[in-house]
Amino acid sequence: MSTVLVVEDRVAQREMITDLLKGSGLNVEKASDGLEALEKIQSLSPDLVVLDIVMPRMNGYEVCRRLKADPKTENVPVVMCSSKGEEFDRYWGMKQGADAYIAKPFQPTELVGTVKQLLRG
């Protein structure tokens, strides 16, 4: 079973995304900010990371850059999931190495479908 790390600082959003992914048969771990995410990625080696952008301590862009710069984690797919939905935000997220970018609010099927597609990758 694939493990997905959900990185989201707002509890309600984090729980909603967790429930969606668990409901589609995935194992889900959670982190509430960028620094916690980096620690968990080292210990858990998740198959995919769903990453918010605006978070305390370290934003999602920085987390994504660090993941993609590290040979141990450079191939872990990253789905950025953010309320920053402008074209520039999407462009900048992809420029940091994200594999997909989903703007909030999103359709549950969009998130689950994107995650499943990247896990099959």
C-alpha atoms as a PDB file:
ATOM      1  CA  MET A   1       0.000   0.000   0.000  1.00  0.00           C
ATOM      2  CA  SER A   2       1.322   3.438  -0.920  1.00  0.00           C
ATOM      3  CA  THR A   3       2.018   6.015   1.794  1.00  0.00           C
ATOM      4  CA  VAL A   4       1.106   9.662   1.240  1.00  0.00           C
ATOM      5  CA  LEU A   5       2.306  12.482   3.497  1.00  0.00           C
ATOM      6  CA  VAL A   6      -0.250  15.287   3.790  1.00  0.00           C
ATOM      7  CA  VAL A   7       1.366  18.597   4.779  1.00  0.00           C
ATOM      8  CA  GLU A   8      -1.257  21.187   5.724  1.00  0.00           C
ATOM      9  CA  ASP A   9      -1.306  23.663   8.627  1.00  0.00           C
ATOM     10  CA  ARG A  10      -5.099  23.991   8.881  1.00  0.00           C
ATOM     11  CA  VAL A  11      -6.564  21.058  10.820  1.00  0.00           C
ATOM     12  CA  ALA A  12      -9.902  20.909   8.950  1.00  0.00           C
ATOM     13  CA  GLN A  13      -8.171  20.848   5.543  1.00  0.00           C
ATOM     14  CA  ARG A  14      -5.613  18.290   6.719  1.00  0.00           C
ATOM     15  CA  GLU A  15      -8.323  15.967   8.038  1.00  0.00           C
ATOM     16  CA  MET A  16     -10.463  16.331   4.912  1.00  0.00           C
ATOM     17  CA  ILE A  17      -7.544  15.482   2.601  1.00  0.00           C
ATOM     18  CA  THR A  18      -6.512  12.606   4.896  1.00  0.00           C
ATOM     19  CA  ASP A  19     -10.026  11.133   4.874  1.00  0.00           C
ATOM     20  CA  LEU A  20     -10.272  11.434   1.074  1.00  0.00           C
ATOM     21  CA  LEU A  21      -6.981   9.629   0.514  1.00  0.00           C
ATOM     22  CA  LYS A  22      -7.620   6.957   3.150  1.00  0.00           C
ATOM     23  CA  GLY A  23     -11.019   6.377   1.570  1.00  0.00           C
ATOM     24  CA  SER A  24      -9.309   5.637  -1.718  1.00  0.00           C
ATOM     25  CA  GLY A  25      -7.146   2.940  -0.116  1.00  0.00           C
ATOM     26  CA  LEU A  26      -3.966   4.834   0.712  1.00  0.00           C
ATOM     27  CA  ASN A  27      -1.930   4.902   3.905  1.00  0.00           C
ATOM     28  CA  VAL A  28      -1.744   8.548   5.093  1.00  0.00           C
ATOM     29  CA  GLU A  29       0.673  10.320   7.420  1.00  0.00           C
ATOM     30  CA  LYS A  30       0.331  13.990   8.408  1.00  0.00           C
ATOM     31  CA  ALA A  31       2.513  17.015   9.102  1.00  0.00           C
ATOM     32  CA  SER A  32       1.385  20.500  10.090  1.00  0.00           C
ATOM     33  CA  ASP A  33       4.252  22.588   8.701  1.00  0.00           C
ATOM     34  CA  GLY A  34       7.276  22.463   6.420  1.00  0.00           C
ATOM     35  CA  LEU A  35       9.902  21.581   9.017  1.00  0.00           C
ATOM     36  CA  GLU A  36       7.798  18.728  10.415  1.00  0.00           C
ATOM     37  CA  ALA A  37       7.267  17.560   6.828  1.00  0.00           C
ATOM     38  CA  LEU A  38      11.008  17.358   6.135  1.00  0.00           C
ATOM     39  CA  GLU A  39      11.565  15.356   9.340  1.00  0.00           C
ATOM     40  CA  LYS A  40       8.747  12.925   8.498  1.00  0.00           C
ATOM     41  CA  ILE A  41       9.916  12.514   4.900  1.00  0.00           C
ATOM     42  CA  GLN A  42      13.343  11.393   6.150  1.00  0.00           C
ATOM     43  CA  SER A  43      11.883   8.870   8.594  1.00  0.00           C
ATOM     44  CA  LEU A  44       8.871   7.625   6.594  1.00  0.00           C
ATOM     45  CA  SER A  45      10.055   7.744   2.965  1.00  0.00           C
ATOM     46  CA  PRO A  46       6.509   8.417   1.654  1.00  0.00           C
ATOM     47  CA  ASP A  47       5.575   7.473  -1.912  1.00  0.00           C
ATOM     48  CA  LEU A  48       4.029  10.918  -2.508  1.00  0.00           C
ATOM     49  CA  VAL A  49       3.652  14.276  -0.718  1.00  0.00           C
ATOM     50  CA  VAL A  50       0.562  16.515  -0.811  1.00  0.00           C
ATOM     51  CA  LEU A  51       1.912  19.936   0.096  1.00  0.00           C
ATOM     52  CA  ASP A  52       0.237  23.179   1.094  1.00  0.00           C
ATOM     53  CA  ILE A  53       2.182  26.350   0.233  1.00  0.00           C
ATOM     54  CA  VAL A  54       1.332  28.900   2.920  1.00  0.00           C
ATOM     55  CA  MET A  55       2.457  27.395   6.243  1.00  0.00           C
ATOM     56  CA  PRO A  56       4.354  28.478   9.362  1.00  0.00           C
ATOM     57  CA  ARG A  57       8.091  27.824   9.849  1.00  0.00           C
ATOM     58  CA  MET A  58       8.726  26.821   6.201  1.00  0.00           C
ATOM     59  CA  ASN A  59       6.525  27.245   3.142  1.00  0.00           C
ATOM     60  CA  GLY A  60       5.675  24.567   0.623  1.00  0.00           C
ATOM     61  CA  TYR A  61       7.885  26.039  -2.108  1.00  0.00           C
ATOM     62  CA  GLU A  62      10.943  25.644   0.132  1.00  0.00           C
ATOM     63  CA  VAL A  63       9.959  22.096   1.172  1.00  0.00           C
ATOM     64  CA  CYS A  64       9.518  21.132  -2.483  1.00  0.00           C
ATOM     65  CA  ARG A  65      12.892  22.656  -3.467  1.00  0.00           C
ATOM     66  CA  ARG A  66      14.646  20.753  -0.684  1.00  0.00           C
ATOM     67  CA  LEU A  67      12.974  17.457  -1.617  1.00  0.00           C
ATOM     68  CA  LYS A  68      13.889  17.789  -5.272  1.00  0.00           C
ATOM     69  CA  ALA A  69      17.492  18.811  -4.428  1.00  0.00           C
ATOM     70  CA  ASP A  70      18.108  15.715  -2.271  1.00  0.00           C
ATOM     71  CA  PRO A  71      19.104  12.581  -4.230  1.00  0.00           C
ATOM     72  CA  LYS A  72      17.244  10.403  -1.666  1.00  0.00           C
ATOM     73  CA  THR A  73      13.919  12.200  -2.241  1.00  0.00           C
ATOM     74  CA  GLU A  74      14.211  13.796  -5.695  1.00  0.00           C
ATOM     75  CA  ASN A  75      11.906  11.171  -7.249  1.00  0.00           C
ATOM     76  CA  VAL A  76       9.104  11.481  -4.659  1.00  0.00           C
ATOM     77  CA  PRO A  77       6.120  13.065  -6.465  1.00  0.00           C
ATOM     78  CA  VAL A  78       4.854  16.333  -4.970  1.00  0.00           C
ATOM     79  CA  VAL A  79       1.284  17.583  -5.381  1.00  0.00           C
ATOM     80  CA  MET A  80       1.010  21.224  -4.369  1.00  0.00           C
ATOM     81  CA  CYS A  81      -2.435  21.956  -3.023  1.00  0.00           C
ATOM     82  CA  SER A  82      -2.982  25.634  -2.306  1.00  0.00           C
ATOM     83  CA  SER A  83      -5.480  28.445  -2.131  1.00  0.00           C
ATOM     84  CA  LYS A  84      -2.974  30.390  -4.231  1.00  0.00           C
ATOM     85  CA  GLY A  85      -4.726  29.661  -7.503  1.00  0.00           C
ATOM     86  CA  GLU A  86      -3.327  32.274  -9.889  1.00  0.00           C
ATOM     87  CA  GLU A  87      -1.487  31.171 -13.005  1.00  0.00           C
ATOM     88  CA  PHE A  88       1.747  32.607 -11.588  1.00  0.00           C
ATOM     89  CA  ASP A  89       1.377  30.518  -8.402  1.00  0.00           C
ATOM     90  CA  ARG A  90       0.909  27.382 -10.479  1.00  0.00           C
ATOM     91  CA  TYR A  91       3.915  28.287 -12.645  1.00  0.00           C
ATOM     92  CA  TRP A  92       6.083  28.998  -9.583  1.00  0.00           C
ATOM     93  CA  GLY A  93       5.027  25.736  -7.908  1.00  0.00           C
ATOM     94  CA  MET A  94       5.976  23.714 -10.981  1.00  0.00           C
ATOM     95  CA  LYS A  95       9.239  25.670 -11.218  1.00  0.00           C
ATOM     96  CA  GLN A  96      10.119  24.473  -7.664  1.00  0.00           C
ATOM     97  CA  GLY A  97       9.765  20.894  -8.888  1.00  0.00           C
ATOM     98  CA  ALA A  98       6.127  20.074  -8.087  1.00  0.00           C
ATOM     99  CA  ASP A  99       4.675  17.245 -10.189  1.00  0.00           C
ATOM    100  CA  ALA A 100       1.126  18.629 -10.007  1.00  0.00           C
ATOM    101  CA  TYR A 101      -0.633  21.746  -8.718  1.00  0.00           C
ATOM    102  CA  ILE A 102      -4.197  21.758  -7.452  1.00  0.00           C
ATOM    103  CA  ALA A 103      -5.907  25.003  -6.437  1.00  0.00           C
ATOM    104  CA  LYS A 104      -8.270  25.068  -3.446  1.00  0.00           C
ATOM    105  CA  PRO A 105     -11.151  24.656  -3.312  1.00  0.00           C
ATOM    106  CA  PHE A 106     -10.773  21.463  -5.362  1.00  0.00           C
ATOM    107  CA  GLN A 107     -13.015  18.594  -6.366  1.00  0.00           C
ATOM    108  CA  PRO A 108     -12.252  15.446  -4.317  1.00  0.00           C
ATOM    109  CA  THR A 109     -12.019  13.423  -7.531  1.00  0.00           C
ATOM    110  CA  GLU A 110      -9.372  15.833  -8.867  1.00  0.00           C
ATOM    111  CA  LEU A 111      -7.117  15.328  -5.852  1.00  0.00           C
ATOM    112  CA  VAL A 112      -7.584  11.546  -5.606  1.00  0.00           C
ATOM    113  CA  GLY A 113      -7.206  11.128  -9.377  1.00  0.00           C
ATOM    114  CA  THR A 114      -4.003  13.183  -9.496  1.00  0.00           C
ATOM    115  CA  VAL A 115      -2.488  11.313  -6.546  1.00  0.00           C
ATOM    116  CA  LYS A 116      -3.364   7.892  -7.992  1.00  0.00           C
ATOM    117  CA  GLN A 117      -1.991   8.856 -11.417  1.00  0.00           C
ATOM    118  CA  LEU A 118       1.337  10.018  -9.938  1.00  0.00           C
ATOM    119  CA  LEU A 119       1.627   6.894  -7.785  1.00  0.00           C
ATOM    120  CA  ARG A 120       1.216   4.737 -10.909  1.00  0.00           C
ATOM    121  CA  GLY A 121       3.747   7.024 -12.656  1.00  0.00           C
END
